[in-house]
C-alpha atoms as a PDB file:
ATOM      1  CA  MET A   1       4.373 -53.669 -62.284  1.00  0.00           C
ATOM      2  CA  ASN A   2       5.920 -56.901 -62.020  1.00  0.00           C
ATOM      3  CA  THR A   3       3.486 -59.330 -60.583  1.00  0.00           C
ATOM      4  CA  LYS A   4       4.591 -62.941 -60.036  1.00  0.00           C
ATOM      5  CA  PRO A   5       2.284 -65.554 -61.201  1.00  0.00           C
ATOM      6  CA  THR A   6       0.831 -67.785 -58.444  1.00  0.00           C
ATOM      7  CA  ALA A   7       2.028 -71.306 -58.492  1.00  0.00           C
ATOM      8  CA  THR A   8      -0.146 -73.800 -59.052  1.00  0.00           C
ATOM      9  CA  LYS A   9      -0.622 -77.803 -58.054  1.00  0.00           C
ATOM     10  CA  GLY A  10       2.288 -80.042 -59.515  1.00  0.00           C
ATOM     11  CA  VAL A  11       3.841 -76.788 -60.639  1.00  0.00           C
ATOM     12  CA  THR A  12       7.037 -75.075 -59.182  1.00  0.00           C
ATOM     13  CA  SER A  13       7.906 -71.546 -58.918  1.00  0.00           C
ATOM     14  CA  SER A  14      11.514 -70.521 -60.329  1.00  0.00           C
ATOM     15  CA  GLU A  15      12.101 -69.554 -56.523  1.00  0.00           C
ATOM     16  CA  ALA A  16      12.461 -72.602 -55.555  1.00  0.00           C
ATOM     17  CA  VAL A  17      15.515 -73.347 -58.104  1.00  0.00           C
ATOM     18  CA  TYR A  18      17.016 -70.062 -58.339  1.00  0.00           C
ATOM     19  CA  GLY A  19      20.156 -69.515 -60.535  1.00  0.00           C
ATOM     20  CA  ALA A  20      20.173 -73.243 -61.285  1.00  0.00           C
ATOM     21  CA  PRO A  21      19.230 -74.580 -65.539  1.00  0.00           C
ATOM     22  CA  CYS A  22      15.211 -74.931 -65.391  1.00  0.00           C
ATOM     23  CA  TRP A  23      14.733 -74.927 -69.326  1.00  0.00           C
ATOM     24  CA  VAL A  24      16.006 -75.811 -72.525  1.00  0.00           C
ATOM     25  CA  SER A  25      14.498 -74.470 -75.561  1.00  0.00           C
ATOM     26  CA  LEU A  26      15.351 -74.774 -79.485  1.00  0.00           C
ATOM     27  CA  MET A  27      14.216 -71.888 -81.648  1.00  0.00           C
ATOM     28  CA  THR A  28      14.254 -72.350 -85.190  1.00  0.00           C
ATOM     29  CA  HIS A  29      12.854 -71.645 -88.660  1.00  0.00           C
ATOM     30  CA  ASP A  30      10.660 -75.043 -89.308  1.00  0.00           C
ATOM     31  CA  LEU A  31       8.913 -75.813 -86.275  1.00  0.00           C
ATOM     32  CA  SER A  32       6.843 -78.449 -87.902  1.00  0.00           C
ATOM     33  CA  ALA A  33      10.271 -79.989 -89.694  1.00  0.00           C
ATOM     34  CA  ALA A  34      12.219 -80.092 -86.554  1.00  0.00           C
ATOM     35  CA  GLN A  35       9.479 -81.712 -84.667  1.00  0.00           C
ATOM     36  CA  LYS A  36      10.059 -84.298 -87.288  1.00  0.00           C
ATOM     37  CA  PHE A  37      13.835 -84.852 -87.317  1.00  0.00           C
ATOM     38  CA  TYR A  38      13.604 -84.617 -83.157  1.00  0.00           C
ATOM     39  CA  GLY A  39      10.995 -87.228 -83.096  1.00  0.00           C
ATOM     40  CA  ALA A  40      13.013 -89.798 -85.397  1.00  0.00           C
ATOM     41  CA  VAL A  41      16.601 -89.097 -84.245  1.00  0.00           C
ATOM     42  CA  LEU A  42      15.256 -89.438 -80.051  1.00  0.00           C
ATOM     43  CA  GLY A  43      11.687 -90.616 -80.234  1.00  0.00           C
ATOM     44  CA  TRP A  44      10.334 -87.288 -79.099  1.00  0.00           C
ATOM     45  CA  THR A  45       6.031 -86.637 -79.118  1.00  0.00           C
ATOM     46  CA  TYR A  46       4.971 -83.210 -78.803  1.00  0.00           C
ATOM     47  CA  ARG A  47       1.991 -80.760 -77.127  1.00  0.00           C
ATOM     48  CA  PRO A  48       1.038 -77.229 -77.137  1.00  0.00           C
ATOM     49  CA  ALA A  49       2.724 -74.991 -75.298  1.00  0.00           C
ATOM     50  CA  ARG A  50       0.857 -72.358 -73.391  1.00  0.00           C
ATOM     51  CA  LEU A  51       3.263 -69.913 -74.956  1.00  0.00           C
ATOM     52  CA  GLY A  52       1.398 -69.503 -78.302  1.00  0.00           C
ATOM     53  CA  GLU A  53       0.705 -71.306 -81.296  1.00  0.00           C
ATOM     54  CA  GLU A  54       4.308 -71.214 -82.650  1.00  0.00           C
ATOM     55  CA  PHE A  55       5.537 -72.919 -79.428  1.00  0.00           C
ATOM     56  CA  SER A  56       5.394 -76.672 -78.064  1.00  0.00           C
ATOM     57  CA  VAL A  57       6.682 -78.848 -75.737  1.00  0.00           C
ATOM     58  CA  ALA A  58       8.747 -82.039 -76.394  1.00  0.00           C
ATOM     59  CA  LEU A  59       8.145 -85.435 -74.467  1.00  0.00           C
ATOM     60  CA  ALA A  60       9.748 -88.516 -73.789  1.00  0.00           C
ATOM     61  CA  ASN A  61       7.756 -90.995 -72.656  1.00  0.00           C
ATOM     62  CA  GLY A  62       5.199 -88.704 -71.740  1.00  0.00           C
ATOM     63  CA  LYS A  63       7.249 -86.031 -69.862  1.00  0.00           C
ATOM     64  CA  PRO A  64       8.576 -82.954 -70.783  1.00  0.00           C
ATOM     65  CA  VAL A  65      11.966 -82.803 -71.965  1.00  0.00           C
ATOM     66  CA  ALA A  66      12.199 -79.396 -73.784  1.00  0.00           C
ATOM     67  CA  GLY A  67      10.554 -76.599 -75.910  1.00  0.00           C
ATOM     68  CA  MET A  68      10.866 -75.388 -79.350  1.00  0.00           C
ATOM     69  CA  GLY A  69       9.463 -72.661 -81.087  1.00  0.00           C
ATOM     70  CA  ALA A  70       9.127 -70.767 -84.377  1.00  0.00           C
ATOM     71  CA  LEU A  71      11.531 -68.042 -84.673  1.00  0.00           C
ATOM     72  CA  ALA A  72       9.646 -64.720 -86.156  1.00  0.00           C
ATOM     73  CA  GLY A  73      10.949 -63.586 -90.087  1.00  0.00           C
ATOM     74  CA  ALA A  74      11.936 -60.266 -88.372  1.00  0.00           C
ATOM     75  CA  LEU A  75      13.757 -62.053 -85.809  1.00  0.00           C
ATOM     76  CA  GLN A  76      17.624 -62.283 -87.251  1.00  0.00           C
ATOM     77  CA  MET A  77      18.477 -64.804 -84.693  1.00  0.00           C
ATOM     78  CA  ALA A  78      20.800 -68.176 -85.179  1.00  0.00           C
ATOM     79  CA  VAL A  79      18.918 -71.400 -84.697  1.00  0.00           C
ATOM     80  CA  ALA A  80      19.910 -73.031 -81.784  1.00  0.00           C
ATOM     81  CA  TRP A  81      19.094 -74.920 -78.517  1.00  0.00           C
ATOM     82  CA  THR A  82      19.314 -72.320 -75.317  1.00  0.00           C
ATOM     83  CA  PRO A  83      19.488 -73.167 -71.747  1.00  0.00           C
ATOM     84  CA  TYR A  84      17.166 -71.224 -69.216  1.00  0.00           C
ATOM     85  CA  PHE A  85      18.094 -70.407 -65.449  1.00  0.00           C
ATOM     86  CA  ALA A  86      15.528 -69.512 -62.644  1.00  0.00           C
ATOM     87  CA  VAL A  87      15.672 -66.400 -61.049  1.00  0.00           C
ATOM     88  CA  GLN A  88      13.397 -64.596 -58.452  1.00  0.00           C
ATOM     89  CA  ASN A  89      12.943 -61.091 -60.650  1.00  0.00           C
ATOM     90  CA  ALA A  90      13.509 -61.040 -64.337  1.00  0.00           C
ATOM     91  CA  ASP A  91      14.006 -57.511 -64.433  1.00  0.00           C
ATOM     92  CA  GLU A  92      16.606 -56.729 -61.481  1.00  0.00           C
ATOM     93  CA  THR A  93      18.682 -60.083 -63.573  1.00  0.00           C
ATOM     94  CA  ALA A  94      18.558 -58.055 -66.792  1.00  0.00           C
ATOM     95  CA  SER A  95      19.711 -54.957 -65.308  1.00  0.00           C
ATOM     96  CA  ARG A  96      22.508 -57.140 -63.463  1.00  0.00           C
ATOM     97  CA  ILE A  97      23.413 -58.270 -67.262  1.00  0.00           C
ATOM     98  CA  ARG A  98      23.520 -54.915 -68.837  1.00  0.00           C
ATOM     99  CA  GLU A  99      25.485 -53.402 -65.953  1.00  0.00           C
ATOM    100  CA  ARG A 100      28.821 -55.941 -66.701  1.00  0.00           C
ATOM    101  CA  SER A 101      29.122 -55.249 -70.195  1.00  0.00           C
ATOM    102  CA  ALA A 102      26.356 -58.491 -71.253  1.00  0.00           C
ATOM    103  CA  THR A 103      23.512 -58.190 -73.615  1.00  0.00           C
ATOM    104  CA  VAL A 104      20.099 -58.614 -73.049  1.00  0.00           C
ATOM    105  CA  ALA A 105      18.690 -59.145 -76.624  1.00  0.00           C
ATOM    106  CA  VAL A 106      15.070 -59.979 -75.945  1.00  0.00           C
ATOM    107  CA  GLY A 107      13.329 -59.057 -72.719  1.00  0.00           C
ATOM    108  CA  PRO A 108      12.295 -59.459 -70.355  1.00  0.00           C
ATOM    109  CA  VAL A 109       8.678 -60.458 -71.958  1.00  0.00           C
ATOM    110  CA  SER A 110       5.738 -61.013 -69.839  1.00  0.00           C
ATOM    111  CA  PHE A 111       3.899 -64.800 -70.843  1.00  0.00           C
ATOM    112  CA  ALA A 112       1.137 -66.749 -69.163  1.00  0.00           C
ATOM    113  CA  MET A 113       3.238 -68.684 -66.594  1.00  0.00           C
ATOM    114  CA  GLY A 114       5.924 -65.831 -66.148  1.00  0.00           C
ATOM    115  CA  ARG A 115       8.788 -63.462 -67.809  1.00  0.00           C
ATOM    116  CA  GLY A 116      11.594 -64.532 -69.359  1.00  0.00           C
ATOM    117  CA  ALA A 117      14.589 -62.874 -71.259  1.00  0.00           C
ATOM    118  CA  LEU A 118      17.149 -64.172 -74.068  1.00  0.00           C
ATOM    119  CA  ALA A 119      21.035 -63.093 -73.253  1.00  0.00           C
ATOM    120  CA  ALA A 120      24.415 -63.174 -73.999  1.00  0.00           C
ATOM    121  CA  ASP A 121      27.398 -63.185 -71.949  1.00  0.00           C
ATOM    122  CA  ARG A 122      30.359 -61.123 -72.482  1.00  0.00           C
ATOM    123  CA  ASP A 123      31.767 -63.556 -74.480  1.00  0.00           C
ATOM    124  CA  GLY A 124      28.874 -64.302 -76.746  1.00  0.00           C
ATOM    125  CA  ALA A 125      27.261 -67.123 -74.944  1.00  0.00           C
ATOM    126  CA  VAL A 126      23.478 -67.020 -75.026  1.00  0.00           C
ATOM    127  CA  PHE A 127      21.247 -68.043 -72.629  1.00  0.00           C
ATOM    128  CA  GLY A 128      17.931 -66.993 -70.847  1.00  0.00           C
ATOM    129  CA  ILE A 129      16.776 -66.198 -67.777  1.00  0.00           C
ATOM    130  CA  TRP A 130      12.740 -67.239 -66.623  1.00  0.00           C
ATOM    131  CA  GLU A 131      10.772 -66.173 -63.603  1.00  0.00           C
ATOM    132  CA  GLY A 132       7.372 -67.531 -62.691  1.00  0.00           C
ATOM    133  CA  GLN A 133       6.334 -71.212 -62.696  1.00  0.00           C
ATOM    134  CA  LEU A 134       8.072 -74.689 -63.967  1.00  0.00           C
ATOM    135  CA  LEU A 135       6.264 -77.001 -66.117  1.00  0.00           C
ATOM    136  CA  THR A 136       4.979 -79.802 -64.428  1.00  0.00           C
ATOM    137  CA  GLY A 137       8.289 -82.602 -64.735  1.00  0.00           C
ATOM    138  CA  TRP A 138      10.892 -79.626 -64.579  1.00  0.00           C
ATOM    139  CA  GLU A 139      10.598 -78.688 -61.149  1.00  0.00           C
ATOM    140  CA  ASN A 140      12.538 -82.131 -60.714  1.00  0.00           C
ATOM    141  CA  TRP A 141      15.749 -80.913 -62.745  1.00  0.00           C
ATOM    142  CA  ARG A 142      18.001 -82.420 -59.971  1.00  0.00           C
ATOM    143  CA  ASP A 143      16.498 -85.266 -59.853  1.00  0.00           C
ATOM    144  CA  ALA A 144      15.321 -85.943 -63.941  1.00  0.00           C
ATOM    145  CA  ALA A 145      17.856 -84.866 -65.555  1.00  0.00           C
ATOM    146  CA  PRO A 146      16.195 -85.051 -68.721  1.00  0.00           C
ATOM    147  CA  ALA A 147      18.527 -82.210 -70.193  1.00  0.00           C
ATOM    148  CA  TRP A 148      22.069 -80.953 -68.887  1.00  0.00           C
ATOM    149  CA  VAL A 149      24.105 -78.229 -70.050  1.00  0.00           C
ATOM    150  CA  ARG A 150      28.033 -77.115 -70.023  1.00  0.00           C
ATOM    151  CA  LEU A 151      29.477 -73.864 -70.943  1.00  0.00           C
ATOM    152  CA  GLN A 152      32.210 -74.199 -73.588  1.00  0.00           C
ATOM    153  CA  THR A 153      34.145 -70.433 -72.540  1.00  0.00           C
ATOM    154  CA  ARG A 154      37.318 -68.692 -72.701  1.00  0.00           C
ATOM    155  CA  ASP A 155      37.736 -68.985 -68.880  1.00  0.00           C
ATOM    156  CA  ALA A 156      35.657 -70.695 -67.023  1.00  0.00           C
ATOM    157  CA  PHE A 157      36.506 -69.179 -63.658  1.00  0.00           C
ATOM    158  CA  GLU A 158      35.837 -65.610 -64.805  1.00  0.00           C
ATOM    159  CA  ALA A 159      32.440 -66.803 -66.279  1.00  0.00           C
ATOM    160  CA  ALA A 160      31.655 -68.221 -63.120  1.00  0.00           C
ATOM    161  CA  ILE A 161      31.771 -65.096 -61.492  1.00  0.00           C
ATOM    162  CA  PHE A 162      29.730 -63.241 -64.091  1.00  0.00           C
ATOM    163  CA  TYR A 163      26.948 -65.584 -63.964  1.00  0.00           C
ATOM    164  CA  GLY A 164      27.509 -66.086 -60.079  1.00  0.00           C
ATOM    165  CA  GLU A 165      27.276 -62.604 -59.775  1.00  0.00           C
ATOM    166  CA  ILE A 166      23.728 -62.176 -62.364  1.00  0.00           C
ATOM    167  CA  LEU A 167      22.459 -65.394 -60.793  1.00  0.00           C
ATOM    168  CA  ASP A 168      23.456 -65.242 -56.929  1.00  0.00           C
ATOM    169  CA  TRP A 169      26.079 -68.531 -57.340  1.00  0.00           C
ATOM    170  CA  ALA A 170      27.670 -69.123 -54.126  1.00  0.00           C
ATOM    171  CA  SER A 171      26.109 -66.011 -52.358  1.00  0.00           C
ATOM    172  CA  GLY A 172      25.358 -67.472 -49.153  1.00  0.00           C
ATOM    173  CA  ARG A 173      21.531 -67.009 -49.377  1.00  0.00           C
ATOM    174  CA  PRO A 174      19.221 -69.776 -48.712  1.00  0.00           C
ATOM    175  CA  GLY A 175      18.838 -71.943 -51.440  1.00  0.00           C
ATOM    176  CA  CYS A 176      21.486 -70.673 -53.630  1.00  0.00           C
ATOM    177  CA  CYS A 177      23.279 -73.013 -56.204  1.00  0.00           C
ATOM    178  CA  ASP A 178      27.207 -73.916 -55.198  1.00  0.00           C
ATOM    179  CA  VAL A 179      30.443 -73.773 -57.015  1.00  0.00           C
ATOM    180  CA  GLU A 180      32.955 -76.198 -56.741  1.00  0.00           C
ATOM    181  CA  TYR A 181      36.334 -76.636 -58.978  1.00  0.00           C
ATOM    182  CA  GLU A 182      37.270 -79.388 -60.573  1.00  0.00           C
ATOM    183  CA  GLU A 183      40.943 -78.923 -62.417  1.00  0.00           C
ATOM    184  CA  ASP A 184      39.888 -76.540 -65.191  1.00  0.00           C
ATOM    185  CA  GLU A 185      35.940 -76.877 -65.045  1.00  0.00           C
ATOM    186  CA  VAL A 186      33.768 -75.033 -62.623  1.00  0.00           C
ATOM    187  CA  VAL A 187      30.670 -77.216 -61.087  1.00  0.00           C
ATOM    188  CA  LEU A 188      27.339 -75.946 -59.863  1.00  0.00           C
ATOM    189  CA  ARG A 189      25.259 -77.771 -57.576  1.00  0.00           C
ATOM    190  CA  SER A 190      22.194 -76.892 -56.536  1.00  0.00           C
ATOM    191  CA  GLY A 191      20.667 -79.035 -53.693  1.00  0.00           C
ATOM    192  CA  GLY A 192      23.643 -80.944 -53.668  1.00  0.00           C
ATOM    193  CA  ARG A 193      23.386 -82.205 -56.884  1.00  0.00           C
ATOM    194  CA  VAL A 194      25.726 -81.208 -60.121  1.00  0.00           C
ATOM    195  CA  VAL A 195      23.136 -79.193 -62.589  1.00  0.00           C
ATOM    196  CA  ALA A 196      25.684 -77.534 -65.100  1.00  0.00           C
ATOM    197  CA  ARG A 197      29.607 -77.546 -65.330  1.00  0.00           C
ATOM    198  CA  LEU A 198      31.699 -74.954 -66.772  1.00  0.00           C
ATOM    199  CA  SER A 199      34.524 -75.345 -69.163  1.00  0.00           C
ATOM    200  CA  SER A 200      37.204 -73.430 -70.415  1.00  0.00           C
ATOM    201  CA  GLY A 201      39.165 -73.517 -74.258  1.00  0.00           C
ATOM    202  CA  ALA A 202      36.548 -71.719 -76.688  1.00  0.00           C
ATOM    203  CA  LEU A 203      38.042 -69.677 -79.026  1.00  0.00           C
ATOM    204  CA  GLU A 204      35.971 -66.554 -79.384  1.00  0.00           C
ATOM    205  CA  ALA A 205      36.824 -65.696 -82.915  1.00  0.00           C
ATOM    206  CA  ALA A 206      36.925 -69.369 -84.201  1.00  0.00           C
ATOM    207  CA  PRO A 207      35.616 -69.892 -87.448  1.00  0.00           C
ATOM    208  CA  ASP A 208      33.807 -73.338 -86.507  1.00  0.00           C
ATOM    209  CA  PRO A 209      30.961 -71.718 -84.300  1.00  0.00           C
ATOM    210  CA  SER A 210      31.462 -75.480 -82.778  1.00  0.00           C
ATOM    211  CA  ILE A 211      34.132 -74.423 -80.684  1.00  0.00           C
ATOM    212  CA  ARG A 212      33.166 -70.532 -80.183  1.00  0.00           C
ATOM    213  CA  PRO A 213      32.257 -69.702 -76.523  1.00  0.00           C
ATOM    214  CA  ARG A 214      28.471 -71.290 -76.013  1.00  0.00           C
ATOM    215  CA  TRP A 215      26.152 -73.025 -73.600  1.00  0.00           C
ATOM    216  CA  GLN A 216      26.302 -76.858 -74.971  1.00  0.00           C
ATOM    217  CA  VAL A 217      22.871 -78.531 -74.065  1.00  0.00           C
ATOM    218  CA  TYR A 218      22.893 -82.464 -74.020  1.00  0.00           C
ATOM    219  CA  PHE A 219      20.452 -85.003 -74.203  1.00  0.00           C
ATOM    220  CA  PRO A 220      20.885 -88.357 -72.599  1.00  0.00           C
ATOM    221  CA  VAL A 221      20.481 -91.130 -75.361  1.00  0.00           C
ATOM    222  CA  PRO A 222      20.778 -95.007 -74.289  1.00  0.00           C
ATOM    223  CA  ASP A 223      22.456 -95.959 -78.062  1.00  0.00           C
ATOM    224  CA  VAL A 224      24.539 -92.425 -79.548  1.00  0.00           C
ATOM    225  CA  ASP A 225      25.602 -94.599 -82.359  1.00  0.00           C
ATOM    226  CA  ALA A 226      22.324 -95.327 -83.244  1.00  0.00           C
ATOM    227  CA  CYS A 227      21.280 -91.513 -82.929  1.00  0.00           C
ATOM    228  CA  VAL A 228      23.940 -90.794 -84.765  1.00  0.00           C
ATOM    229  CA  ARG A 229      22.734 -93.189 -87.919  1.00  0.00           C
ATOM    230  CA  VAL A 230      19.220 -91.650 -87.851  1.00  0.00           C
ATOM    231  CA  ALA A 231      20.739 -87.845 -87.767  1.00  0.00           C
ATOM    232  CA  ARG A 232      22.351 -88.402 -90.771  1.00  0.00           C
ATOM    233  CA  GLU A 233      19.210 -89.521 -92.210  1.00  0.00           C
ATOM    234  CA  HIS A 234      17.483 -87.005 -91.503  1.00  0.00           C
ATOM    235  CA  GLY A 235      19.834 -84.372 -92.830  1.00  0.00           C
ATOM    236  CA  ALA A 236      21.907 -83.657 -90.111  1.00  0.00           C
ATOM    237  CA  SER A 237      25.573 -83.308 -89.848  1.00  0.00           C
ATOM    238  CA  VAL A 238      28.155 -84.572 -87.605  1.00  0.00           C
ATOM    239  CA  VAL A 239      30.662 -82.523 -85.823  1.00  0.00           C
ATOM    240  CA  HIS A 240      31.923 -85.032 -83.261  1.00  0.00           C
ATOM    241  CA  HIS A 241      31.500 -88.400 -82.989  1.00  0.00           C
ATOM    242  CA  GLU A 242      33.185 -90.708 -80.277  1.00  0.00           C
ATOM    243  CA  PRO A 243      31.732 -94.211 -80.385  1.00  0.00           C
ATOM    244  CA  GLY A 244      29.343 -95.508 -78.027  1.00  0.00           C
ATOM    245  CA  VAL A 245      29.835 -92.357 -75.829  1.00  0.00           C
ATOM    246  CA  GLU A 246      28.514 -88.968 -77.131  1.00  0.00           C
ATOM    247  CA  ALA A 247      27.990 -87.149 -80.353  1.00  0.00           C
ATOM    248  CA  THR A 248      27.922 -83.323 -81.234  1.00  0.00           C
ATOM    249  CA  LEU A 249      24.629 -82.841 -84.020  1.00  0.00           C
ATOM    250  CA  ARG A 250      24.202 -80.231 -85.895  1.00  0.00           C
ATOM    251  CA  ASP A 251      20.596 -80.441 -86.888  1.00  0.00           C
ATOM    252  CA  PRO A 252      19.307 -79.957 -90.700  1.00  0.00           C
ATOM    253  CA  ASP A 253      18.248 -75.720 -89.713  1.00  0.00           C
ATOM    254  CA  GLY A 254      21.487 -74.933 -87.800  1.00  0.00           C
ATOM    255  CA  GLY A 255      20.820 -76.447 -84.201  1.00  0.00           C
ATOM    256  CA  LEU A 256      24.073 -77.518 -82.853  1.00  0.00           C
ATOM    257  CA  PHE A 257      23.093 -80.404 -79.538  1.00  0.00           C
ATOM    258  CA  VAL A 258      24.886 -83.543 -77.830  1.00  0.00           C
ATOM    259  CA  VAL A 259      23.815 -86.896 -77.100  1.00  0.00           C
ATOM    260  CA  THR A 260      25.725 -88.592 -74.623  1.00  0.00           C
ATOM    261  CA  THR A 261      25.298 -92.061 -72.510  1.00  0.00           C
ATOM    262  CA  GLN A 262      27.310 -89.952 -69.559  1.00  0.00           C
ATOM    263  CA  THR A 263      25.779 -88.328 -66.683  1.00  0.00           C
ATOM    264  CA  LEU A 264      26.684 -84.812 -65.735  1.00  0.00           C
ATOM    265  CA  ALA A 265      28.043 -85.927 -62.562  1.00  0.00           C
ATOM    266  CA  ALA A 266      30.475 -87.618 -64.490  1.00  0.00           C
END
């Protein structure tokens, strides 16, 4: 029987923001090395997570930004930044994913704070779902936006239908996320704020993984060029760099992420 965790003071349940991004996390082979890299590039500090010894929470100015975890040796998974979406029932959402010919790779798994699962959509873009408590500081994603996400996919409109069906986007239910269309993009809003974008143009069989269908995780920074310089000094490679505006970087373990001076609403 699935018992939902009770929200505690300062913590909001995924029910309050269902359908919206609620967390981003990096699974990496060497947690200590990843912490040193992102600490140097983005100025993060860390504290233990309630998920176990192999997990930590990255902090910027004392506030949660992202999660980091060590990949178990038996798991044949690529190092990647992954967004998680808030859901009201992880088991029901996992069933919806499978029913639509997509993949649930891990879970749903129970943790102290809730239940989560890792999945991939029909084009192979990896994402997670989360039912339960949100970390303090992440209950106001729409306002703080410590990170934001964009789906690079083959067909944004087709993807919006898929995610809408599994996450109750534009369902008319109280509190659901709204969907808008802007030229070739789909814009996702929660509580009136832009929380994600979906863009067409990815190539499913592209030899370069950076242009295959994937969820891109963006971290706002005051100085993109400084981040690029420090990242290179610490073993990262630069996939794309628009000086002063945005850069896509590949960390030393292969994880792709974007640093940007732009906002999600831009």
